[in-house]
C-alpha atoms as a PDB file:
ATOM      1  CA  VAL A   1      -4.680  13.841  16.144  1.00  0.00           C
ATOM      2  CA  GLN A   2      -8.202  14.394  17.414  1.00  0.00           C
ATOM      3  CA  LEU A   3     -11.301  14.479  15.232  1.00  0.00           C
ATOM      4  CA  GLN A   4     -14.346  16.651  15.808  1.00  0.00           C
ATOM      5  CA  ALA A   5     -17.468  15.873  13.816  1.00  0.00           C
ATOM      6  CA  SER A   6     -20.231  18.401  13.375  1.00  0.00           C
ATOM      7  CA  GLY A   7     -23.103  19.340  11.099  1.00  0.00           C
ATOM      8  CA  GLY A   8     -25.733  16.837  12.109  1.00  0.00           C
ATOM      9  CA  GLY A   9     -29.335  17.805  12.579  1.00  0.00           C
ATOM     10  CA  SER A  10     -32.919  17.043  11.716  1.00  0.00           C
ATOM     11  CA  VAL A  11     -34.227  17.262   8.167  1.00  0.00           C
ATOM     12  CA  GLN A  12     -37.163  15.978   6.201  1.00  0.00           C
ATOM     13  CA  THR A  13     -36.950  13.364   3.493  1.00  0.00           C
ATOM     14  CA  GLY A  14     -35.207  14.780   0.465  1.00  0.00           C
ATOM     15  CA  GLY A  15     -33.271  17.335   2.465  1.00  0.00           C
ATOM     16  CA  SER A  16     -29.540  17.899   2.646  1.00  0.00           C
ATOM     17  CA  LEU A  17     -26.876  18.204   5.297  1.00  0.00           C
ATOM     18  CA  ARG A  18     -23.136  18.640   5.216  1.00  0.00           C
ATOM     19  CA  LEU A  19     -21.105  16.978   7.909  1.00  0.00           C
ATOM     20  CA  SER A  20     -17.640  18.219   8.780  1.00  0.00           C
ATOM     21  CA  CYS A  21     -14.784  16.430  10.459  1.00  0.00           C
ATOM     22  CA  ALA A  22     -12.077  18.761  11.674  1.00  0.00           C
ATOM     23  CA  ALA A  23      -8.721  17.475  12.803  1.00  0.00           C
ATOM     24  CA  SER A  24      -6.539  19.015  15.437  1.00  0.00           C
ATOM     25  CA  GLY A  25      -2.861  18.317  15.365  1.00  0.00           C
ATOM     26  CA  ARG A  26      -1.300  16.813  12.294  1.00  0.00           C
ATOM     27  CA  ALA A  27      -2.446  17.364   8.756  1.00  0.00           C
ATOM     28  CA  LEU A  28      -4.918  14.955   7.188  1.00  0.00           C
ATOM     29  CA  SER A  29      -3.560  14.927   3.673  1.00  0.00           C
ATOM     30  CA  THR A  30      -1.865  11.525   3.878  1.00  0.00           C
ATOM     31  CA  TYR A  31      -4.535   9.780   5.931  1.00  0.00           C
ATOM     32  CA  ASN A  32      -7.319   7.619   4.693  1.00  0.00           C
ATOM     33  CA  MET A  33     -10.485   9.196   6.077  1.00  0.00           C
ATOM     34  CA  GLY A  34     -13.832   7.526   6.483  1.00  0.00           C
ATOM     35  CA  TRP A  35     -17.382   8.167   7.547  1.00  0.00           C
ATOM     36  CA  PHE A  36     -19.346   5.463   9.309  1.00  0.00           C
ATOM     37  CA  ARG A  37     -22.782   5.474  10.859  1.00  0.00           C
ATOM     38  CA  GLN A  38     -24.696   3.584  13.490  1.00  0.00           C
ATOM     39  CA  ALA A  39     -28.461   3.522  13.627  1.00  0.00           C
ATOM     40  CA  PRO A  40     -30.319   2.632  16.841  1.00  0.00           C
ATOM     41  CA  GLY A  41     -30.173  -1.098  17.450  1.00  0.00           C
ATOM     42  CA  LYS A  42     -27.903  -1.722  14.488  1.00  0.00           C
ATOM     43  CA  GLU A  43     -24.234  -2.315  13.988  1.00  0.00           C
ATOM     44  CA  ARG A  44     -21.922   0.380  12.748  1.00  0.00           C
ATOM     45  CA  GLU A  45     -21.697   0.478   8.975  1.00  0.00           C
ATOM     46  CA  PHE A  46     -19.439   2.061   6.406  1.00  0.00           C
ATOM     47  CA  VAL A  47     -20.693   5.101   4.532  1.00  0.00           C
ATOM     48  CA  ALA A  48     -17.854   6.658   2.561  1.00  0.00           C
ATOM     49  CA  ALA A  49     -14.099   6.992   2.507  1.00  0.00           C
ATOM     50  CA  ILE A  50     -11.427   9.008   0.785  1.00  0.00           C
ATOM     51  CA  LYS A  51      -7.928   7.745   0.335  1.00  0.00           C
ATOM     52  CA  GLY A  52      -4.945   9.760   1.436  1.00  0.00           C
ATOM     53  CA  GLY A  53      -2.666  11.196  -1.181  1.00  0.00           C
ATOM     54  CA  GLY A  54      -4.544  10.633  -4.437  1.00  0.00           C
ATOM     55  CA  GLY A  55      -7.992  11.072  -2.951  1.00  0.00           C
ATOM     56  CA  SER A  56      -9.820   8.109  -4.459  1.00  0.00           C
ATOM     57  CA  THR A  57     -13.268   7.751  -2.980  1.00  0.00           C
ATOM     58  CA  ARG A  58     -15.457   4.809  -2.112  1.00  0.00           C
ATOM     59  CA  TYR A  59     -19.114   4.671  -1.094  1.00  0.00           C
ATOM     60  CA  GLU A  60     -21.547   2.243   0.390  1.00  0.00           C
ATOM     61  CA  ASN A  61     -24.028   1.249  -2.282  1.00  0.00           C
ATOM     62  CA  SER A  62     -27.105   2.857  -0.739  1.00  0.00           C
ATOM     63  CA  VAL A  63     -25.496   6.313  -0.639  1.00  0.00           C
ATOM     64  CA  LYS A  64     -23.893   6.327  -4.074  1.00  0.00           C
ATOM     65  CA  GLY A  65     -25.092   9.294  -6.081  1.00  0.00           C
ATOM     66  CA  ARG A  66     -26.479  11.006  -2.979  1.00  0.00           C
ATOM     67  CA  PHE A  67     -23.464  11.472  -0.707  1.00  0.00           C
ATOM     68  CA  THR A  68     -20.099  13.002  -1.555  1.00  0.00           C
ATOM     69  CA  ILE A  69     -16.963  12.836   0.543  1.00  0.00           C
ATOM     70  CA  ALA A  70     -14.304  15.481   0.084  1.00  0.00           C
ATOM     71  CA  ARG A  71     -11.329  16.856   1.932  1.00  0.00           C
ATOM     72  CA  ASP A  72      -9.803  20.285   2.359  1.00  0.00           C
ATOM     73  CA  ASN A  73      -6.240  19.616   3.392  1.00  0.00           C
ATOM     74  CA  ALA A  74      -5.496  23.264   4.129  1.00  0.00           C
ATOM     75  CA  LYS A  75      -8.346  23.319   6.639  1.00  0.00           C
ATOM     76  CA  LYS A  76      -7.587  19.785   7.886  1.00  0.00           C
ATOM     77  CA  THR A  77     -11.234  18.978   7.371  1.00  0.00           C
ATOM     78  CA  VAL A  78     -13.151  16.199   5.671  1.00  0.00           C
ATOM     79  CA  TYR A  79     -16.727  16.728   4.560  1.00  0.00           C
ATOM     80  CA  LEU A  80     -19.672  14.502   3.840  1.00  0.00           C
ATOM     81  CA  GLN A  81     -22.262  16.208   1.677  1.00  0.00           C
ATOM     82  CA  MET A  82     -25.530  14.332   2.017  1.00  0.00           C
ATOM     83  CA  ASN A  83     -28.329  15.013  -0.444  1.00  0.00           C
ATOM     84  CA  ASP A  84     -31.714  13.407  -0.975  1.00  0.00           C
ATOM     85  CA  LEU A  85     -31.733  12.151   2.584  1.00  0.00           C
ATOM     86  CA  ARG A  86     -34.031   9.290   3.506  1.00  0.00           C
ATOM     87  CA  PRO A  87     -35.380   8.071   6.867  1.00  0.00           C
ATOM     88  CA  GLU A  88     -33.052   5.068   6.641  1.00  0.00           C
ATOM     89  CA  ASP A  89     -30.094   7.483   6.747  1.00  0.00           C
ATOM     90  CA  THR A  90     -30.990   8.328  10.342  1.00  0.00           C
ATOM     91  CA  ALA A  91     -27.988   7.467  12.508  1.00  0.00           C
ATOM     92  CA  VAL A  92     -25.069   8.797  14.462  1.00  0.00           C
ATOM     93  CA  TYR A  93     -22.323   9.553  11.970  1.00  0.00           C
ATOM     94  CA  TYR A  94     -18.689   9.107  12.901  1.00  0.00           C
ATOM     95  CA  CYS A  95     -15.583  10.218  11.092  1.00  0.00           C
ATOM     96  CA  ALA A  96     -12.415   8.217  11.410  1.00  0.00           C
ATOM     97  CA  ALA A  97      -8.803   8.325  10.342  1.00  0.00           C
ATOM     98  CA  ASP A  98      -6.566   5.515   9.200  1.00  0.00           C
ATOM     99  CA  THR A  99      -3.166   6.775  10.221  1.00  0.00           C
ATOM    100  CA  PRO A 100      -0.614   5.953   9.149  1.00  0.00           C
ATOM    101  CA  PRO A 101      -2.663   4.801   6.157  1.00  0.00           C
ATOM    102  CA  VAL A 102      -2.728   1.027   5.974  1.00  0.00           C
ATOM    103  CA  ALA A 103      -5.942   0.127   4.196  1.00  0.00           C
ATOM    104  CA  ILE A 104      -5.812  -0.477   0.469  1.00  0.00           C
ATOM    105  CA  TYR A 105      -8.703   0.810  -1.618  1.00  0.00           C
ATOM    106  CA  SER A 106     -10.728  -2.380  -1.276  1.00  0.00           C
ATOM    107  CA  ALA A 107     -10.425  -2.289   2.511  1.00  0.00           C
ATOM    108  CA  LEU A 108     -11.494   1.300   3.068  1.00  0.00           C
ATOM    109  CA  ASP A 109     -14.885   0.053   4.249  1.00  0.00           C
ATOM    110  CA  ASN A 110     -13.359  -1.927   7.108  1.00  0.00           C
ATOM    111  CA  GLY A 111     -13.594  -0.006  10.349  1.00  0.00           C
ATOM    112  CA  ARG A 112     -10.810  -2.030  11.916  1.00  0.00           C
ATOM    113  CA  TYR A 113      -8.225  -0.157   9.863  1.00  0.00           C
ATOM    114  CA  TYR A 114      -9.228   3.182  11.372  1.00  0.00           C
ATOM    115  CA  ASP A 115      -7.267   4.208  14.442  1.00  0.00           C
ATOM    116  CA  ILE A 116      -8.795   7.516  15.430  1.00  0.00           C
ATOM    117  CA  TRP A 117     -12.522   8.188  15.754  1.00  0.00           C
ATOM    118  CA  GLY A 118     -14.489  11.361  16.283  1.00  0.00           C
ATOM    119  CA  GLN A 119     -17.325  11.664  18.781  1.00  0.00           C
ATOM    120  CA  GLY A 120     -20.234  11.331  16.352  1.00  0.00           C
ATOM    121  CA  THR A 121     -22.941  13.666  15.146  1.00  0.00           C
ATOM    122  CA  LEU A 122     -26.622  12.743  14.982  1.00  0.00           C
ATOM    123  CA  VAL A 123     -28.544  12.892  11.721  1.00  0.00           C
ATOM    124  CA  THR A 124     -32.311  12.471  11.879  1.00  0.00           C
ATOM    125  CA  VAL A 125     -34.411  12.259   8.725  1.00  0.00           C
ATOM    126  CA  SER A 126     -38.163  12.364   9.103  1.00  0.00           C
ATOM    127  CA  SER A 127     -40.703  11.234   6.544  1.00  0.00           C
END
């Protein structure tokens, strides 16, 4: 499986973007899928994840209520809808797959469980 992230860009504070993560190869339906981000000079951090199978979701506290992760299994694509963007959301966003799914719900924020990573897409939010 390879992951291709897209949809990044430059927006002003309060704007919206939708990131996509398309998989080539096997279907995504059973995988745990996550979005992470890395801002300049900072460590990579968890943003959101969706569990394989049942589709439970988990979010980092600062994006709750603003970001939504969803998956379209038929299209083998995972989305991250980002609303009410803030300058502190500026980062390179990476999608990742935990396959075969190992992480339990409480561990979905741990990047070490994710085996396959996309190339990243840059999101820039200006004030």
